[in-house]
PDB file of N, CA and C in Angstrom:
ATOM      1  N   MET A   1     123.152 110.099  96.799  1.00  0.00           N
ATOM      2  CA  MET A   1     122.192 109.978  97.726  1.00  0.00           C
ATOM      3  C   MET A   1     121.523 108.458  96.945  1.00  0.00           C
ATOM      4  N   LEU A   2     121.289 107.739  98.274  1.00  0.00           N
ATOM      5  CA  LEU A   2     120.803 106.268  98.420  1.00  0.00           C
ATOM      6  C   LEU A   2     119.706 105.845  98.931  1.00  0.00           C
ATOM      7  N   SER A   3     118.952 105.353  98.002  1.00  0.00           N
ATOM      8  CA  SER A   3     117.061 105.077  99.009  1.00  0.00           C
ATOM      9  C   SER A   3     117.107 103.697  98.488  1.00  0.00           C
ATOM     10  N   LEU A   4     116.653 103.472  99.687  1.00  0.00           N
ATOM     11  CA  LEU A   4     116.346 101.544  99.626  1.00  0.00           C
ATOM     12  C   LEU A   4     114.909 101.629  99.780  1.00  0.00           C
ATOM     13  N   TYR A   5     114.253 100.566  99.692  1.00  0.00           N
ATOM     14  CA  TYR A   5     112.736 100.029  99.728  1.00  0.00           C
ATOM     15  C   TYR A   5     112.746  98.844 100.754  1.00  0.00           C
ATOM     16  N   VAL A   6     111.920  98.930 101.726  1.00  0.00           N
ATOM     17  CA  VAL A   6     112.025  98.038 102.476  1.00  0.00           C
ATOM     18  C   VAL A   6     110.384  97.555 102.416  1.00  0.00           C
ATOM     19  N   ILE A   7     110.375  96.137 101.895  1.00  0.00           N
ATOM     20  CA  ILE A   7     108.936  95.581 101.873  1.00  0.00           C
ATOM     21  C   ILE A   7     108.736  94.896 103.561  1.00  0.00           C
ATOM     22  N   LEU A   8     107.496  95.233 104.192  1.00  0.00           N
ATOM     23  CA  LEU A   8     107.516  95.090 105.341  1.00  0.00           C
ATOM     24  C   LEU A   8     106.441  94.106 104.675  1.00  0.00           C
ATOM     25  N   GLY A   9     106.266  92.565 106.062  1.00  0.00           N
ATOM     26  CA  GLY A   9     105.644  91.564 105.691  1.00  0.00           C
ATOM     27  C   GLY A   9     106.146  90.444 104.586  1.00  0.00           C
ATOM     28  N   ILE A  10     106.931  90.385 104.029  1.00  0.00           N
ATOM     29  CA  ILE A  10     107.529  90.088 102.989  1.00  0.00           C
ATOM     30  C   ILE A  10     107.687  88.547 103.562  1.00  0.00           C
ATOM     31  N   GLY A  11     108.285  88.545 104.405  1.00  0.00           N
ATOM     32  CA  GLY A  11     108.541  87.093 105.580  1.00  0.00           C
ATOM     33  C   GLY A  11     107.402  86.299 105.575  1.00  0.00           C
ATOM     34  N   GLY A  12     106.329  87.072 105.625  1.00  0.00           N
ATOM     35  CA  GLY A  12     105.169  86.398 106.632  1.00  0.00           C
ATOM     36  C   GLY A  12     105.268  86.159 107.809  1.00  0.00           C
ATOM     37  N   LYS A  13     104.257  85.490 108.469  1.00  0.00           N
ATOM     38  CA  LYS A  13     103.988  85.419 109.968  1.00  0.00           C
ATOM     39  C   LYS A  13     104.997  84.646 110.572  1.00  0.00           C
ATOM     40  N   HIS A  14     106.228  83.256 109.581  1.00  0.00           N
ATOM     41  CA  HIS A  14     106.717  82.817 110.027  1.00  0.00           C
ATOM     42  C   HIS A  14     108.109  83.623 110.122  1.00  0.00           C
ATOM     43  N   ARG A  15     108.187  84.155 109.458  1.00  0.00           N
ATOM     44  CA  ARG A  15     109.658  84.825 109.534  1.00  0.00           C
ATOM     45  C   ARG A  15     109.537  86.674 110.108  1.00  0.00           C
ATOM     46  N   THR A  16     108.506  86.962 110.799  1.00  0.00           N
ATOM     47  CA  THR A  16     108.700  88.621 110.900  1.00  0.00           C
ATOM     48  C   THR A  16     109.516  88.997 111.416  1.00  0.00           C
ATOM     49  N   ARG A  17     109.747  88.489 112.414  1.00  0.00           N
ATOM     50  CA  ARG A  17     110.676  89.209 112.950  1.00  0.00           C
ATOM     51  C   ARG A  17     112.692  88.953 112.572  1.00  0.00           C
ATOM     52  N   SER A  18     112.499  87.940 111.940  1.00  0.00           N
ATOM     53  CA  SER A  18     113.731  88.001 111.598  1.00  0.00           C
ATOM     54  C   SER A  18     113.384  88.893 110.164  1.00  0.00           C
ATOM     55  N   HIS A  19     113.043  88.799 109.686  1.00  0.00           N
ATOM     56  CA  HIS A  19     113.020  89.644 108.579  1.00  0.00           C
ATOM     57  C   HIS A  19     112.910  91.340 109.168  1.00  0.00           C
ATOM     58  N   ALA A  20     112.441  91.592 109.818  1.00  0.00           N
ATOM     59  CA  ALA A  20     112.815  92.998 110.501  1.00  0.00           C
ATOM     60  C   ALA A  20     114.169  92.996 111.375  1.00  0.00           C
ATOM     61  N   ARG A  21     114.369  92.062 111.863  1.00  0.00           N
ATOM     62  CA  ARG A  21     116.015  92.470 112.699  1.00  0.00           C
ATOM     63  C   ARG A  21     117.064  92.234 111.265  1.00  0.00           C
ATOM     64  N   ASP A  22     117.403  91.205 110.466  1.00  0.00           N
ATOM     65  CA  ASP A  22     118.036  91.052 109.512  1.00  0.00           C
ATOM     66  C   ASP A  22     117.763  92.647 108.427  1.00  0.00           C
ATOM     67  N   THR A  23     116.636  93.203 108.193  1.00  0.00           N
ATOM     68  CA  THR A  23     117.004  93.995 107.331  1.00  0.00           C
ATOM     69  C   THR A  23     117.601  94.967 108.224  1.00  0.00           C
ATOM     70  N   ALA A  24     117.262  95.883 109.410  1.00  0.00           N
ATOM     71  CA  ALA A  24     117.755  96.968 110.102  1.00  0.00           C
ATOM     72  C   ALA A  24     119.405  96.617 110.224  1.00  0.00           C
ATOM     73  N   LYS A  25     119.723  95.146 110.313  1.00  0.00           N
ATOM     74  CA  LYS A  25     120.995  94.857 110.269  1.00  0.00           C
ATOM     75  C   LYS A  25     121.964  95.182 108.738  1.00  0.00           C
ATOM     76  N   VAL A  26     120.998  95.037 107.571  1.00  0.00           N
ATOM     77  CA  VAL A  26     121.744  95.784 106.319  1.00  0.00           C
ATOM     78  C   VAL A  26     121.951  97.042 106.528  1.00  0.00           C
ATOM     79  N   LEU A  27     120.642  97.503 106.604  1.00  0.00           N
ATOM     80  CA  LEU A  27     120.475  99.045 106.634  1.00  0.00           C
ATOM     81  C   LEU A  27     121.654  99.701 107.292  1.00  0.00           C
ATOM     82  N   ASN A  28     121.837  99.026 108.153  1.00  0.00           N
ATOM     83  CA  ASN A  28     122.899 100.101 109.625  1.00  0.00           C
ATOM     84  C   ASN A  28     123.989  99.484 108.788  1.00  0.00           C
ATOM     85  N   GLN A  29     124.757  98.455 107.753  1.00  0.00           N
ATOM     86  CA  GLN A  29     125.883  98.497 107.158  1.00  0.00           C
ATOM     87  C   GLN A  29     125.695  99.351 105.756  1.00  0.00           C
ATOM     88  N   ILE A  30     125.066  99.655 105.158  1.00  0.00           N
ATOM     89  CA  ILE A  30     124.724 100.064 104.349  1.00  0.00           C
ATOM     90  C   ILE A  30     124.524 101.965 104.527  1.00  0.00           C
ATOM     91  N   GLU A  31     123.744 101.873 104.973  1.00  0.00           N
ATOM     92  CA  GLU A  31     124.180 103.358 105.588  1.00  0.00           C
ATOM     93  C   GLU A  31     123.225 104.450 104.585  1.00  0.00           C
ATOM     94  N   PRO A  32     122.064 103.827 104.127  1.00  0.00           N
ATOM     95  CA  PRO A  32     121.247 104.713 103.003  1.00  0.00           C
ATOM     96  C   PRO A  32     120.819 106.504 103.937  1.00  0.00           C
ATOM     97  N   ASP A  33     120.690 107.097 102.663  1.00  0.00           N
ATOM     98  CA  ASP A  33     120.433 108.422 103.017  1.00  0.00           C
ATOM     99  C   ASP A  33     118.397 108.589 103.170  1.00  0.00           C
ATOM    100  N   PHE A  34     118.050 107.581 102.611  1.00  0.00           N
ATOM    101  CA  PHE A  34     116.319 107.334 102.659  1.00  0.00           C
ATOM    102  C   PHE A  34     115.787 105.920 102.607  1.00  0.00           C
ATOM    103  N   ILE A  35     114.979 105.565 103.751  1.00  0.00           N
ATOM    104  CA  ILE A  35     114.790 104.174 103.766  1.00  0.00           C
ATOM    105  C   ILE A  35     113.032 104.404 103.387  1.00  0.00           C
ATOM    106  N   ARG A  36     113.316 103.982 102.447  1.00  0.00           N
ATOM    107  CA  ARG A  36     111.137 103.706 102.369  1.00  0.00           C
ATOM    108  C   ARG A  36     110.192 102.260 102.556  1.00  0.00           C
ATOM    109  N   LEU A  37     109.455 102.746 103.443  1.00  0.00           N
ATOM    110  CA  LEU A  37     108.892 101.509 104.109  1.00  0.00           C
ATOM    111  C   LEU A  37     107.221 101.749 102.825  1.00  0.00           C
ATOM    112  N   ARG A  38     107.032  99.802 102.496  1.00  0.00           N
ATOM    113  CA  ARG A  38     106.174  99.288 101.739  1.00  0.00           C
ATOM    114  C   ARG A  38     105.441  98.463 102.334  1.00  0.00           C
ATOM    115  N   THR A  39     104.319  98.008 102.389  1.00  0.00           N
ATOM    116  CA  THR A  39     104.013  96.711 103.050  1.00  0.00           C
ATOM    117  C   THR A  39     103.272  95.998 102.072  1.00  0.00           C
ATOM    118  N   PHE A  40     103.559  94.985 102.281  1.00  0.00           N
ATOM    119  CA  PHE A  40     103.341  93.753 100.917  1.00  0.00           C
ATOM    120  C   PHE A  40     101.974  93.306 100.836  1.00  0.00           C
ATOM    121  N   VAL A  41     101.595  93.372  99.583  1.00  0.00           N
ATOM    122  CA  VAL A  41     100.747  93.401  99.071  1.00  0.00           C
ATOM    123  C   VAL A  41     101.178  92.619  97.820  1.00  0.00           C
ATOM    124  N   PRO A  42     100.360  91.385  97.666  1.00  0.00           N
ATOM    125  CA  PRO A  42     100.383  89.960  96.505  1.00  0.00           C
ATOM    126  C   PRO A  42      99.657  91.034  95.649  1.00  0.00           C
ATOM    127  N   LYS A  43     100.787  90.053  94.133  1.00  0.00           N
ATOM    128  CA  LYS A  43     100.297  90.770  92.517  1.00  0.00           C
ATOM    129  C   LYS A  43      99.362  89.340  91.749  1.00  0.00           C
ATOM    130  N   ILE A  44      98.516  90.236  91.062  1.00  0.00           N
ATOM    131  CA  ILE A  44      97.524  89.100  90.430  1.00  0.00           C
ATOM    132  C   ILE A  44      99.308  88.238  89.494  1.00  0.00           C
ATOM    133  N   ASN A  45      98.607  86.937  88.962  1.00  0.00           N
ATOM    134  CA  ASN A  45      99.626  86.020  88.284  1.00  0.00           C
ATOM    135  C   ASN A  45     100.933  86.223  88.645  1.00  0.00           C
ATOM    136  N   THR A  46     101.069  86.130  90.483  1.00  0.00           N
ATOM    137  CA  THR A  46     102.455  85.715  90.703  1.00  0.00           C
ATOM    138  C   THR A  46     102.442  84.519  91.835  1.00  0.00           C
ATOM    139  N   PRO A  47     103.903  83.790  91.359  1.00  0.00           N
ATOM    140  CA  PRO A  47     103.287  82.542  92.335  1.00  0.00           C
ATOM    141  C   PRO A  47     103.150  82.317  94.378  1.00  0.00           C
ATOM    142  N   LEU A  48     103.752  83.735  94.395  1.00  0.00           N
ATOM    143  CA  LEU A  48     103.104  84.394  95.826  1.00  0.00           C
ATOM    144  C   LEU A  48     102.131  84.161  96.510  1.00  0.00           C
ATOM    145  N   LEU A  49     101.274  84.984  95.000  1.00  0.00           N
ATOM    146  CA  LEU A  49      99.830  85.275  95.563  1.00  0.00           C
ATOM    147  C   LEU A  49      99.096  83.909  95.589  1.00  0.00           C
ATOM    148  N   GLU A  50      99.498  82.380  94.862  1.00  0.00           N
ATOM    149  CA  GLU A  50      99.039  80.910  94.949  1.00  0.00           C
ATOM    150  C   GLU A  50      99.534  80.663  96.133  1.00  0.00           C
ATOM    151  N   GLU A  51     100.392  81.370  96.598  1.00  0.00           N
ATOM    152  CA  GLU A  51     100.952  80.668  98.117  1.00  0.00           C
ATOM    153  C   GLU A  51      99.758  81.531  99.328  1.00  0.00           C
ATOM    154  N   VAL A  52      99.749  82.454  99.317  1.00  0.00           N
ATOM    155  CA  VAL A  52      98.602  83.326  99.884  1.00  0.00           C
ATOM    156  C   VAL A  52      97.427  82.527  99.787  1.00  0.00           C
ATOM    157  N   GLN A  53      96.993  82.531  98.800  1.00  0.00           N
ATOM    158  CA  GLN A  53      95.678  81.452  98.317  1.00  0.00           C
ATOM    159  C   GLN A  53      95.275  80.314  98.824  1.00  0.00           C
ATOM    160  N   ASN A  54      96.439  79.506  98.917  1.00  0.00           N
ATOM    161  CA  ASN A  54      96.470  78.245  99.474  1.00  0.00           C
ATOM    162  C   ASN A  54      97.099  78.109 100.599  1.00  0.00           C
ATOM    163  N   GLN A  55      97.566  79.208 101.071  1.00  0.00           N
ATOM    164  CA  GLN A  55      97.858  79.522 102.650  1.00  0.00           C
ATOM    165  C   GLN A  55      98.536  79.042 102.983  1.00  0.00           C
ATOM    166  N   SER A  56     100.008  78.887 102.137  1.00  0.00           N
ATOM    167  CA  SER A  56     100.690  77.871 102.825  1.00  0.00           C
ATOM    168  C   SER A  56     101.960  79.438 102.573  1.00  0.00           C
ATOM    169  N   PHE A  57     101.585  80.620 102.316  1.00  0.00           N
ATOM    170  CA  PHE A  57     102.204  82.082 103.044  1.00  0.00           C
ATOM    171  C   PHE A  57     101.206  82.617 103.683  1.00  0.00           C
ATOM    172  N   LYS A  58     101.366  82.894 104.977  1.00  0.00           N
ATOM    173  CA  LYS A  58     100.600  83.645 105.862  1.00  0.00           C
ATOM    174  C   LYS A  58     100.951  84.838 105.667  1.00  0.00           C
ATOM    175  N   MET A  59      99.877  85.427 105.571  1.00  0.00           N
ATOM    176  CA  MET A  59     100.537  87.159 105.831  1.00  0.00           C
ATOM    177  C   MET A  59      99.981  87.822 106.262  1.00  0.00           C
ATOM    178  N   LEU A  60     101.033  88.878 107.403  1.00  0.00           N
ATOM    179  CA  LEU A  60     100.224  89.848 108.201  1.00  0.00           C
ATOM    180  C   LEU A  60      99.685  90.604 108.089  1.00  0.00           C
ATOM    181  N   GLY A  61      98.561  90.625 109.046  1.00  0.00           N
ATOM    182  CA  GLY A  61      97.286  91.461 109.341  1.00  0.00           C
ATOM    183  C   GLY A  61      98.194  92.642 109.978  1.00  0.00           C
ATOM    184  N   PRO A  62      97.170  93.855 109.946  1.00  0.00           N
ATOM    185  CA  PRO A  62      97.723  94.979 110.224  1.00  0.00           C
ATOM    186  C   PRO A  62      98.753  95.493 111.625  1.00  0.00           C
ATOM    187  N   HIS A  63      98.000  94.795 112.107  1.00  0.00           N
ATOM    188  CA  HIS A  63      98.928  95.186 114.016  1.00  0.00           C
ATOM    189  C   HIS A  63     100.163  93.982 113.719  1.00  0.00           C
ATOM    190  N   GLU A  64     100.263  93.312 112.872  1.00  0.00           N
ATOM    191  CA  GLU A  64     101.931  92.504 112.765  1.00  0.00           C
ATOM    192  C   GLU A  64     102.686  93.372 111.698  1.00  0.00           C
ATOM    193  N   VAL A  65     101.705  93.709 111.275  1.00  0.00           N
ATOM    194  CA  VAL A  65     102.694  94.945 110.107  1.00  0.00           C
ATOM    195  C   VAL A  65     103.263  96.005 110.915  1.00  0.00           C
ATOM    196  N   LEU A  66     102.630  96.713 111.901  1.00  0.00           N
ATOM    197  CA  LEU A  66     103.137  97.442 112.732  1.00  0.00           C
ATOM    198  C   LEU A  66     103.639  97.121 113.591  1.00  0.00           C
ATOM    199  N   TYR A  67     103.686  95.333 114.560  1.00  0.00           N
ATOM    200  CA  TYR A  67     104.795  95.317 115.127  1.00  0.00           C
ATOM    201  C   TYR A  67     106.507  95.368 114.793  1.00  0.00           C
ATOM    202  N   GLU A  68     106.141  94.696 113.549  1.00  0.00           N
ATOM    203  CA  GLU A  68     107.058  94.222 112.625  1.00  0.00           C
ATOM    204  C   GLU A  68     107.773  96.100 112.238  1.00  0.00           C
ATOM    205  N   THR A  69     107.494  96.535 111.864  1.00  0.00           N
ATOM    206  CA  THR A  69     107.625  98.105 111.769  1.00  0.00           C
ATOM    207  C   THR A  69     108.705  98.647 112.589  1.00  0.00           C
ATOM    208  N   ALA A  70     107.561  98.869 114.133  1.00  0.00           N
ATOM    209  CA  ALA A  70     108.311  98.842 114.940  1.00  0.00           C
ATOM    210  C   ALA A  70     109.809  98.345 115.794  1.00  0.00           C
ATOM    211  N   LEU A  71     110.033  96.819 115.725  1.00  0.00           N
ATOM    212  CA  LEU A  71     111.428  96.298 115.227  1.00  0.00           C
ATOM    213  C   LEU A  71     111.679  96.651 114.822  1.00  0.00           C
ATOM    214  N   LEU A  72     111.815  96.879 113.292  1.00  0.00           N
ATOM    215  CA  LEU A  72     112.517  97.136 112.484  1.00  0.00           C
ATOM    216  C   LEU A  72     113.480  98.860 112.944  1.00  0.00           C
ATOM    217  N   ILE A  73     112.272  99.330 113.138  1.00  0.00           N
ATOM    218  CA  ILE A  73     112.717 101.069 114.084  1.00  0.00           C
ATOM    219  C   ILE A  73     113.717 100.939 114.984  1.00  0.00           C
ATOM    220  N   LYS A  74     113.333 100.491 116.144  1.00  0.00           N
ATOM    221  CA  LYS A  74     114.361 100.497 117.090  1.00  0.00           C
ATOM    222  C   LYS A  74     115.722  99.236 116.825  1.00  0.00           C
ATOM    223  N   ASN A  75     115.734  98.674 115.597  1.00  0.00           N
ATOM    224  CA  ASN A  75     116.805  97.903 115.260  1.00  0.00           C
ATOM    225  C   ASN A  75     117.312  98.996 114.534  1.00  0.00           C
ATOM    226  N   ILE A  76     117.127  99.743 113.618  1.00  0.00           N
ATOM    227  CA  ILE A  76     117.921 100.691 112.873  1.00  0.00           C
ATOM    228  C   ILE A  76     118.993 101.563 113.592  1.00  0.00           C
ATOM    229  N   GLN A  77     120.140 101.783 113.371  1.00  0.00           N
ATOM    230  CA  GLN A  77     120.890 102.874 114.360  1.00  0.00           C
ATOM    231  C   GLN A  77     121.531 103.629 113.196  1.00  0.00           C
ATOM    232  N   VAL A  78     121.284 103.975 111.907  1.00  0.00           N
ATOM    233  CA  VAL A  78     122.171 104.842 111.303  1.00  0.00           C
ATOM    234  C   VAL A  78     121.292 105.872 111.043  1.00  0.00           C
ATOM    235  N   SER A  79     121.571 107.135 110.708  1.00  0.00           N
ATOM    236  CA  SER A  79     120.942 108.208 110.667  1.00  0.00           C
ATOM    237  C   SER A  79     120.211 108.605 109.037  1.00  0.00           C
ATOM    238  N   SER A  80     119.188 108.044 108.775  1.00  0.00           N
ATOM    239  CA  SER A  80     118.284 108.071 107.636  1.00  0.00           C
ATOM    240  C   SER A  80     117.305 109.080 107.546  1.00  0.00           C
ATOM    241  N   TYR A  81     116.867 109.005 106.424  1.00  0.00           N
ATOM    242  CA  TYR A  81     115.463 109.970 106.932  1.00  0.00           C
ATOM    243  C   TYR A  81     114.350 108.630 105.879  1.00  0.00           C
ATOM    244  N   VAL A  82     113.534 108.649 106.901  1.00  0.00           N
ATOM    245  CA  VAL A  82     112.766 107.239 106.779  1.00  0.00           C
ATOM    246  C   VAL A  82     111.164 107.796 106.164  1.00  0.00           C
ATOM    247  N   THR A  83     110.119 106.915 105.242  1.00  0.00           N
ATOM    248  CA  THR A  83     109.016 107.460 105.216  1.00  0.00           C
ATOM    249  C   THR A  83     108.284 106.397 104.303  1.00  0.00           C
ATOM    250  N   SER A  84     106.944 106.300 104.828  1.00  0.00           N
ATOM    251  CA  SER A  84     105.847 105.693 104.708  1.00  0.00           C
ATOM    252  C   SER A  84     105.008 105.900 103.968  1.00  0.00           C
ATOM    253  N   ASP A  85     104.871 106.666 103.106  1.00  0.00           N
ATOM    254  CA  ASP A  85     104.091 107.567 102.753  1.00  0.00           C
ATOM    255  C   ASP A  85     103.679 106.735 101.570  1.00  0.00           C
ATOM    256  N   HIS A  86     103.001 105.647 101.223  1.00  0.00           N
ATOM    257  CA  HIS A  86     102.533 104.688 100.284  1.00  0.00           C
ATOM    258  C   HIS A  86     101.207 104.092 100.827  1.00  0.00           C
ATOM    259  N   TYR A  87      99.977 104.062  99.664  1.00  0.00           N
ATOM    260  CA  TYR A  87      98.823 103.751 100.009  1.00  0.00           C
ATOM    261  C   TYR A  87      98.996 102.273 100.508  1.00  0.00           C
ATOM    262  N   THR A  88      99.570 101.399 100.209  1.00  0.00           N
ATOM    263  CA  THR A  88     100.138 100.165 101.105  1.00  0.00           C
ATOM    264  C   THR A  88     100.385  99.861 102.112  1.00  0.00           C
ATOM    265  N   ASN A  89     100.599 100.963 102.655  1.00  0.00           N
ATOM    266  CA  ASN A  89     101.176 100.909 104.385  1.00  0.00           C
ATOM    267  C   ASN A  89      99.875 101.279 105.036  1.00  0.00           C
ATOM    268  N   TYR A  90      99.757 100.916 106.596  1.00  0.00           N
ATOM    269  CA  TYR A  90      99.030 101.440 107.523  1.00  0.00           C
ATOM    270  C   TYR A  90      98.932 102.709 107.849  1.00  0.00           C
ATOM    271  N   ILE A  91      99.987 102.968 108.402  1.00  0.00           N
ATOM    272  CA  ILE A  91     100.190 104.687 108.753  1.00  0.00           C
ATOM    273  C   ILE A  91     101.439 105.041 107.833  1.00  0.00           C
ATOM    274  N   ASN A  92     101.419 106.313 108.006  1.00  0.00           N
ATOM    275  CA  ASN A  92     102.181 107.286 107.359  1.00  0.00           C
ATOM    276  C   ASN A  92     103.150 107.850 108.886  1.00  0.00           C
ATOM    277  N   LEU A  93     104.656 107.065 108.200  1.00  0.00           N
ATOM    278  CA  LEU A  93     105.864 107.429 109.388  1.00  0.00           C
ATOM    279  C   LEU A  93     106.588 108.312 108.489  1.00  0.00           C
ATOM    280  N   GLU A  94     107.296 109.733 108.958  1.00  0.00           N
ATOM    281  CA  GLU A  94     108.650 110.266 108.166  1.00  0.00           C
ATOM    282  C   GLU A  94     108.886 111.487 109.447  1.00  0.00           C
ATOM    283  N   GLY A  95     110.350 110.804 109.150  1.00  0.00           N
ATOM    284  CA  GLY A  95     111.555 111.503 109.489  1.00  0.00           C
ATOM    285  C   GLY A  95     112.809 110.917 109.655  1.00  0.00           C
ATOM    286  N   ARG A  96     113.176 112.002 110.468  1.00  0.00           N
ATOM    287  CA  ARG A  96     114.847 111.187 110.516  1.00  0.00           C
ATOM    288  C   ARG A  96     115.429 110.824 111.278  1.00  0.00           C
ATOM    289  N   LEU A  97     115.949 109.506 111.595  1.00  0.00           N
ATOM    290  CA  LEU A  97     116.072 108.379 112.456  1.00  0.00           C
ATOM    291  C   LEU A  97     117.380 109.202 112.616  1.00  0.00           C
ATOM    292  N   PRO A  98     118.291 108.981 113.518  1.00  0.00           N
ATOM    293  CA  PRO A  98     117.473 108.427 115.007  1.00  0.00           C
ATOM    294  C   PRO A  98     116.658 109.414 115.792  1.00  0.00           C
ATOM    295  N   GLN A  99     116.473 110.745 115.400  1.00  0.00           N
ATOM    296  CA  GLN A  99     115.948 111.916 116.033  1.00  0.00           C
ATOM    297  C   GLN A  99     113.844 111.332 116.146  1.00  0.00           C
ATOM    298  N   ALA A 100     113.730 110.680 115.017  1.00  0.00           N
ATOM    299  CA  ALA A 100     112.533 110.310 115.227  1.00  0.00           C
ATOM    300  C   ALA A 100     111.971 109.476 115.402  1.00  0.00           C
ATOM    301  N   LYS A 101     113.072 108.874 115.814  1.00  0.00           N
ATOM    302  CA  LYS A 101     112.492 106.945 116.782  1.00  0.00           C
ATOM    303  C   LYS A 101     111.510 107.402 117.873  1.00  0.00           C
ATOM    304  N   ILE A 102     111.681 107.692 118.309  1.00  0.00           N
ATOM    305  CA  ILE A 102     110.850 107.937 119.451  1.00  0.00           C
ATOM    306  C   ILE A 102     109.658 108.027 119.584  1.00  0.00           C
ATOM    307  N   ARG A 103     109.594 109.138 118.685  1.00  0.00           N
ATOM    308  CA  ARG A 103     108.358 109.604 117.854  1.00  0.00           C
ATOM    309  C   ARG A 103     107.497 108.448 116.851  1.00  0.00           C
ATOM    310  N   PHE A 104     108.465 107.724 116.224  1.00  0.00           N
ATOM    311  CA  PHE A 104     107.783 106.955 115.155  1.00  0.00           C
ATOM    312  C   PHE A 104     107.063 105.311 116.541  1.00  0.00           C
ATOM    313  N   LEU A 105     107.824 105.228 117.342  1.00  0.00           N
ATOM    314  CA  LEU A 105     107.438 104.233 118.057  1.00  0.00           C
ATOM    315  C   LEU A 105     106.067 104.613 118.686  1.00  0.00           C
ATOM    316  N   ASP A 106     105.980 105.487 119.052  1.00  0.00           N
ATOM    317  CA  ASP A 106     104.441 106.325 119.756  1.00  0.00           C
ATOM    318  C   ASP A 106     104.020 106.184 118.855  1.00  0.00           C
ATOM    319  N   GLU A 107     104.198 106.565 117.329  1.00  0.00           N
ATOM    320  CA  GLU A 107     102.540 106.616 116.513  1.00  0.00           C
ATOM    321  C   GLU A 107     102.248 105.026 116.066  1.00  0.00           C
ATOM    322  N   ILE A 108     103.278 104.233 115.916  1.00  0.00           N
ATOM    323  CA  ILE A 108     103.307 102.908 116.140  1.00  0.00           C
ATOM    324  C   ILE A 108     102.156 102.494 117.335  1.00  0.00           C
ATOM    325  N   ASP A 109     102.537 102.381 118.659  1.00  0.00           N
ATOM    326  CA  ASP A 109     101.843 102.091 119.727  1.00  0.00           C
ATOM    327  C   ASP A 109     100.745 102.963 119.523  1.00  0.00           C
ATOM    328  N   ALA A 110     100.239 104.209 119.209  1.00  0.00           N
ATOM    329  CA  ALA A 110      98.826 104.578 118.654  1.00  0.00           C
ATOM    330  C   ALA A 110      97.952 103.969 118.365  1.00  0.00           C
ATOM    331  N   ALA A 111      98.587 103.511 116.835  1.00  0.00           N
ATOM    332  CA  ALA A 111      97.756 102.868 116.087  1.00  0.00           C
ATOM    333  C   ALA A 111      97.714 101.000 115.980  1.00  0.00           C
ATOM    334  N   LEU A 112      98.378 100.527 117.303  1.00  0.00           N
ATOM    335  CA  LEU A 112      98.068  99.681 117.599  1.00  0.00           C
ATOM    336  C   LEU A 112      96.783  99.444 118.898  1.00  0.00           C
ATOM    337  N   THR A 113      96.356 100.520 118.846  1.00  0.00           N
ATOM    338  CA  THR A 113      95.434 100.545 120.155  1.00  0.00           C
ATOM    339  C   THR A 113      94.273 100.586 119.176  1.00  0.00           C
ATOM    340  N   ARG A 114      94.080 100.580 117.644  1.00  0.00           N
ATOM    341  CA  ARG A 114      92.764 101.091 116.767  1.00  0.00           C
ATOM    342  C   ARG A 114      92.465  99.505 116.259  1.00  0.00           C
ATOM    343  N   ASP A 115      91.258  99.320 116.182  1.00  0.00           N
ATOM    344  CA  ASP A 115      90.920  97.630 115.898  1.00  0.00           C
ATOM    345  C   ASP A 115      91.363  97.949 114.257  1.00  0.00           C
ATOM    346  N   GLU A 116      91.891  96.731 114.160  1.00  0.00           N
ATOM    347  CA  GLU A 116      92.303  95.839 112.947  1.00  0.00           C
ATOM    348  C   GLU A 116      91.334  96.508 111.790  1.00  0.00           C
ATOM    349  N   LYS A 117      90.325  96.481 112.013  1.00  0.00           N
ATOM    350  CA  LYS A 117      88.803  97.039 110.945  1.00  0.00           C
ATOM    351  C   LYS A 117      89.083  98.093 110.462  1.00  0.00           C
ATOM    352  N   SER A 118      89.793  99.216 111.063  1.00  0.00           N
ATOM    353  CA  SER A 118      89.704 100.398 110.573  1.00  0.00           C
ATOM    354  C   SER A 118      90.694 100.586 109.688  1.00  0.00           C
ATOM    355  N   PHE A 119      91.709 100.056 109.581  1.00  0.00           N
ATOM    356  CA  PHE A 119      92.888 100.024 108.499  1.00  0.00           C
ATOM    357  C   PHE A 119      92.371  99.585 107.100  1.00  0.00           C
ATOM    358  N   ARG A 120      92.986  99.926 106.108  1.00  0.00           N
ATOM    359  CA  ARG A 120      92.810  99.665 104.863  1.00  0.00           C
ATOM    360  C   ARG A 120      92.488  98.373 104.380  1.00  0.00           C
ATOM    361  N   SER A 121      91.760  97.465 103.611  1.00  0.00           N
ATOM    362  CA  SER A 121      91.028  96.193 103.056  1.00  0.00           C
ATOM    363  C   SER A 121      92.575  95.765 102.667  1.00  0.00           C
ATOM    364  N   PHE A 122      92.687  94.934 102.408  1.00  0.00           N
ATOM    365  CA  PHE A 122      93.384  93.573 101.947  1.00  0.00           C
ATOM    366  C   PHE A 122      92.791  93.610 100.562  1.00  0.00           C
ATOM    367  N   PHE A 123      94.027  93.234 100.105  1.00  0.00           N
ATOM    368  CA  PHE A 123      93.460  93.516  98.291  1.00  0.00           C
ATOM    369  C   PHE A 123      95.011  93.102  97.762  1.00  0.00           C
ATOM    370  N   ILE A 124      94.642  92.727  96.433  1.00  0.00           N
ATOM    371  CA  ILE A 124      95.729  92.348  95.130  1.00  0.00           C
ATOM    372  C   ILE A 124      96.098  93.595  94.098  1.00  0.00           C
ATOM    373  N   GLY A 125      97.291  93.500  94.446  1.00  0.00           N
ATOM    374  CA  GLY A 125      97.744  94.572  93.135  1.00  0.00           C
ATOM    375  C   GLY A 125      97.827  94.197  91.801  1.00  0.00           C
ATOM    376  N   THR A 126      97.502  94.978  91.200  1.00  0.00           N
ATOM    377  CA  THR A 126      97.271  94.572  89.447  1.00  0.00           C
ATOM    378  C   THR A 126      98.404  95.033  88.721  1.00  0.00           C
ATOM    379  N   ALA A 127      99.571  95.587  89.199  1.00  0.00           N
ATOM    380  CA  ALA A 127     100.810  95.155  88.655  1.00  0.00           C
ATOM    381  C   ALA A 127     101.983  95.452  89.125  1.00  0.00           C
TER     382      ALA A 127
END
């Protein structure tokens, strides 16, 4: 069994589309059994947190993470079980691709109708 983690938003605002497409391309080549989605959260005492704080790295907001997730899901062509059941994520997606693709995209579309303030607050990770 092969399980891979994808960190949504790690490309920031400037690389969100290429991150989604290129990550899907790699997943399609590797064909993992499980794809686990996590949303980027900056951690204390890291250079990337400094870049977030000085705004040289522009983090994605909740809707932008959801758009990146949709683009990723649209471009995955392999049969893998996807889960996004982690506290860093804005919504929980769980199911097997390709069967769950339309349901995932519908759930993302529904979440995009919510006000961004209704999602979890920005936080800095401690570990």
